[in-house]
Amino acid sequence: MTYTLPVSKRGTLTLPPELRIKLKLNRLASPMVVLEEKNGVVTMQSAIAMPIRDIPKESIDRWIINDEADFKTYKKKKK
């Protein structure tokens, strides 16, 4: 389904109730989403927060490598 949402001056978006229900954001006291932009396309998915101590070190190391690679690509594009 496609939604057209207004963006406030502060950059705020209000998700329609049916989308919040579908993403199960209505069941949480403080819902979170992951918003990703890649090649001009924005994707969003529901997320959870967890203590970093519960995340395997291999995952964290992989994230760091990916972030550093993304930053190098970004720097090259800025020039």
N, C-alpha and C. Protein backbone atom coordinates (compact mmCIF):
# COMPACT_ATOMS: atom_id res chain seq x y z
N MET A 1 0.85 -1.17 0.00
CA MET A 1 0.00 0.00 0.00
C MET A 1 0.89 1.24 0.00
N THR A 2 0.47 2.28 -0.65
CA THR A 2 1.20 3.54 -0.74
C THR A 2 0.46 4.62 0.03
N TYR A 3 1.22 5.41 0.77
CA TYR A 3 0.65 6.52 1.53
C TYR A 3 1.33 7.81 1.09
N THR A 4 0.58 8.88 1.03
CA THR A 4 1.13 10.21 0.82
C THR A 4 0.95 10.97 2.12
N LEU A 5 2.08 11.37 2.73
CA LEU A 5 2.03 11.99 4.05
C LEU A 5 2.60 13.40 3.99
N PRO A 6 1.96 14.35 4.67
CA PRO A 6 2.54 15.69 4.75
C PRO A 6 3.72 15.68 5.73
N VAL A 7 4.70 16.52 5.44
CA VAL A 7 5.86 16.67 6.30
C VAL A 7 5.78 18.05 6.95
N SER A 8 5.84 18.10 8.28
CA SER A 8 5.75 19.39 8.98
C SER A 8 7.05 20.17 8.79
N LYS A 9 7.05 21.41 9.20
CA LYS A 9 8.26 22.25 9.12
C LYS A 9 9.41 21.64 9.91
N ARG A 10 9.09 20.91 10.95
CA ARG A 10 10.12 20.26 11.77
C ARG A 10 10.53 18.89 11.22
N GLY A 11 9.90 18.46 10.13
CA GLY A 11 10.23 17.16 9.54
C GLY A 11 9.42 16.01 10.11
N THR A 12 8.37 16.31 10.82
CA THR A 12 7.55 15.27 11.45
C THR A 12 6.58 14.65 10.45
N LEU A 13 6.47 13.34 10.50
CA LEU A 13 5.48 12.60 9.72
C LEU A 13 4.52 11.94 10.69
N THR A 14 3.26 11.90 10.35
CA THR A 14 2.29 11.17 11.16
C THR A 14 1.84 9.96 10.36
N LEU A 15 2.09 8.78 10.91
CA LEU A 15 1.71 7.55 10.23
C LEU A 15 0.22 7.28 10.41
N PRO A 16 -0.46 6.86 9.36
CA PRO A 16 -1.88 6.54 9.47
C PRO A 16 -2.10 5.38 10.46
N PRO A 17 -3.23 5.40 11.16
CA PRO A 17 -3.49 4.35 12.16
C PRO A 17 -3.36 2.93 11.62
N GLU A 18 -3.85 2.67 10.41
CA GLU A 18 -3.79 1.30 9.87
C GLU A 18 -2.35 0.85 9.64
N LEU A 19 -1.46 1.78 9.32
CA LEU A 19 -0.05 1.44 9.15
C LEU A 19 0.61 1.18 10.51
N ARG A 20 0.27 1.99 11.51
CA ARG A 20 0.81 1.76 12.86
C ARG A 20 0.37 0.41 13.38
N ILE A 21 -0.86 0.03 13.10
CA ILE A 21 -1.37 -1.27 13.54
C ILE A 21 -0.64 -2.39 12.81
N LYS A 22 -0.48 -2.25 11.49
CA LYS A 22 0.19 -3.28 10.70
C LYS A 22 1.63 -3.48 11.16
N LEU A 23 2.33 -2.40 11.51
CA LEU A 23 3.71 -2.49 11.97
C LEU A 23 3.81 -2.80 13.47
N LYS A 24 2.65 -2.95 14.11
CA LYS A 24 2.56 -3.24 15.55
C LYS A 24 3.17 -2.13 16.40
N LEU A 25 3.13 -0.90 15.90
CA LEU A 25 3.65 0.24 16.65
C LEU A 25 2.65 0.73 17.68
N ASN A 26 1.39 0.34 17.54
CA ASN A 26 0.36 0.79 18.47
C ASN A 26 0.39 0.03 19.80
N ARG A 27 1.16 -1.05 19.88
CA ARG A 27 1.19 -1.87 21.10
C ARG A 27 2.31 -1.49 22.06
N LEU A 28 3.16 -0.56 21.65
CA LEU A 28 4.33 -0.23 22.45
C LEU A 28 4.21 1.14 23.08
N ALA A 29 4.76 1.28 24.27
CA ALA A 29 4.72 2.59 24.95
C ALA A 29 5.61 3.60 24.24
N SER A 30 6.73 3.14 23.73
CA SER A 30 7.67 4.02 23.04
C SER A 30 8.16 3.33 21.77
N PRO A 31 7.32 3.31 20.72
CA PRO A 31 7.69 2.57 19.51
C PRO A 31 8.89 3.19 18.80
N MET A 32 9.63 2.35 18.10
CA MET A 32 10.79 2.79 17.34
C MET A 32 10.70 2.22 15.93
N VAL A 33 11.29 2.94 14.98
CA VAL A 33 11.39 2.45 13.61
C VAL A 33 12.81 2.66 13.11
N VAL A 34 13.19 1.85 12.15
CA VAL A 34 14.46 2.03 11.45
C VAL A 34 14.10 2.65 10.11
N LEU A 35 14.70 3.79 9.82
CA LEU A 35 14.47 4.50 8.58
C LEU A 35 15.78 4.48 7.80
N GLU A 36 15.74 3.98 6.57
CA GLU A 36 16.96 3.86 5.78
C GLU A 36 16.74 4.50 4.42
N GLU A 37 17.74 5.30 4.01
CA GLU A 37 17.72 5.89 2.67
C GLU A 37 18.84 5.28 1.87
N LYS A 38 18.51 4.79 0.70
CA LYS A 38 19.52 4.22 -0.19
C LYS A 38 19.11 4.53 -1.62
N ASN A 39 19.99 5.24 -2.30
CA ASN A 39 19.75 5.62 -3.70
C ASN A 39 18.43 6.36 -3.88
N GLY A 40 18.12 7.24 -2.94
CA GLY A 40 16.91 8.05 -3.05
C GLY A 40 15.63 7.36 -2.64
N VAL A 41 15.73 6.14 -2.16
CA VAL A 41 14.54 5.38 -1.72
C VAL A 41 14.60 5.25 -0.21
N VAL A 42 13.52 5.61 0.46
CA VAL A 42 13.44 5.52 1.91
C VAL A 42 12.60 4.30 2.29
N THR A 43 13.16 3.48 3.17
CA THR A 43 12.40 2.34 3.70
C THR A 43 12.28 2.48 5.21
N MET A 44 11.23 1.91 5.75
CA MET A 44 10.99 2.00 7.18
C MET A 44 10.48 0.65 7.66
N GLN A 45 10.97 0.24 8.82
CA GLN A 45 10.47 -0.99 9.44
C GLN A 45 10.46 -0.81 10.95
N SER A 46 9.61 -1.55 11.61
CA SER A 46 9.56 -1.45 13.06
C SER A 46 10.86 -1.98 13.65
N ALA A 47 11.22 -1.49 14.83
CA ALA A 47 12.48 -1.85 15.45
C ALA A 47 12.28 -2.06 16.94
N ILE A 48 13.29 -2.66 17.54
CA ILE A 48 13.31 -2.81 18.99
C ILE A 48 14.65 -2.31 19.51
N ALA A 49 14.68 -1.92 20.74
CA ALA A 49 15.93 -1.53 21.38
C ALA A 49 16.34 -2.67 22.31
N MET A 50 17.63 -2.95 22.33
CA MET A 50 18.12 -3.99 23.23
C MET A 50 19.47 -3.55 23.78
N PRO A 51 19.81 -4.01 24.95
CA PRO A 51 21.12 -3.65 25.51
C PRO A 51 22.24 -4.14 24.60
N ILE A 52 23.25 -3.33 24.45
CA ILE A 52 24.36 -3.69 23.56
C ILE A 52 25.05 -4.96 24.03
N ARG A 53 25.01 -5.22 25.32
CA ARG A 53 25.66 -6.44 25.84
C ARG A 53 25.00 -7.71 25.30
N ASP A 54 23.75 -7.60 24.81
CA ASP A 54 23.03 -8.75 24.28
C ASP A 54 23.28 -8.97 22.79
N ILE A 55 24.03 -8.08 22.14
CA ILE A 55 24.30 -8.19 20.71
C ILE A 55 25.65 -8.88 20.54
N PRO A 56 25.70 -9.93 19.71
CA PRO A 56 26.98 -10.63 19.52
C PRO A 56 28.06 -9.69 18.97
N LYS A 57 29.28 -9.85 19.46
CA LYS A 57 30.40 -9.01 19.04
C LYS A 57 30.61 -9.06 17.53
N GLU A 58 30.39 -10.21 16.92
CA GLU A 58 30.55 -10.35 15.47
C GLU A 58 29.59 -9.43 14.72
N SER A 59 28.38 -9.29 15.22
CA SER A 59 27.41 -8.39 14.59
C SER A 59 27.87 -6.94 14.68
N ILE A 60 28.34 -6.55 15.85
CA ILE A 60 28.81 -5.18 16.05
C ILE A 60 30.01 -4.90 15.14
N ASP A 61 30.95 -5.85 15.07
CA ASP A 61 32.12 -5.68 14.21
C ASP A 61 31.70 -5.52 12.74
N ARG A 62 30.73 -6.31 12.31
CA ARG A 62 30.24 -6.23 10.93
C ARG A 62 29.60 -4.88 10.67
N TRP A 63 28.83 -4.36 11.64
CA TRP A 63 28.19 -3.05 11.49
C TRP A 63 29.24 -1.96 11.34
N ILE A 64 30.30 -2.05 12.13
CA ILE A 64 31.37 -1.04 12.06
C ILE A 64 32.03 -1.08 10.68
N ILE A 65 32.33 -2.26 10.19
CA ILE A 65 32.95 -2.39 8.86
C ILE A 65 32.03 -1.80 7.79
N ASN A 66 30.75 -2.11 7.86
CA ASN A 66 29.79 -1.59 6.88
C ASN A 66 29.68 -0.07 6.97
N ASP A 67 29.62 0.46 8.19
CA ASP A 67 29.53 1.91 8.37
C ASP A 67 30.76 2.62 7.83
N GLU A 68 31.93 2.06 8.08
CA GLU A 68 33.16 2.67 7.57
C GLU A 68 33.20 2.64 6.04
N ALA A 69 32.74 1.55 5.45
CA ALA A 69 32.69 1.46 3.99
C ALA A 69 31.70 2.48 3.42
N ASP A 70 30.54 2.60 4.06
CA ASP A 70 29.54 3.59 3.62
C ASP A 70 30.09 5.00 3.72
N PHE A 71 30.85 5.29 4.80
CA PHE A 71 31.40 6.62 4.98
C PHE A 71 32.45 6.93 3.91
N LYS A 72 33.27 5.94 3.56
CA LYS A 72 34.26 6.14 2.50
C LYS A 72 33.57 6.44 1.17
N THR A 73 32.49 5.72 0.88
CA THR A 73 31.73 5.97 -0.34
C THR A 73 31.12 7.37 -0.31
N TYR A 74 30.59 7.77 0.82
CA TYR A 74 30.01 9.10 0.97
C TYR A 74 31.05 10.19 0.74
N LYS A 75 32.25 10.01 1.32
CA LYS A 75 33.31 11.00 1.16
C LYS A 75 33.73 11.14 -0.30
N LYS A 76 33.79 10.01 -1.02
CA LYS A 76 34.15 10.05 -2.44
C LYS A 76 33.11 10.81 -3.25
N LYS A 77 31.83 10.62 -2.92
CA LYS A 77 30.75 11.30 -3.64
C LYS A 77 30.73 12.80 -3.36
N LYS A 78 31.17 13.20 -2.15
CA LYS A 78 31.17 14.62 -1.77
C LYS A 78 32.20 15.42 -2.56
N LYS A 79 33.28 14.76 -3.03
CA LYS A 79 34.36 15.47 -3.73
C LYS A 79 33.97 15.90 -5.08
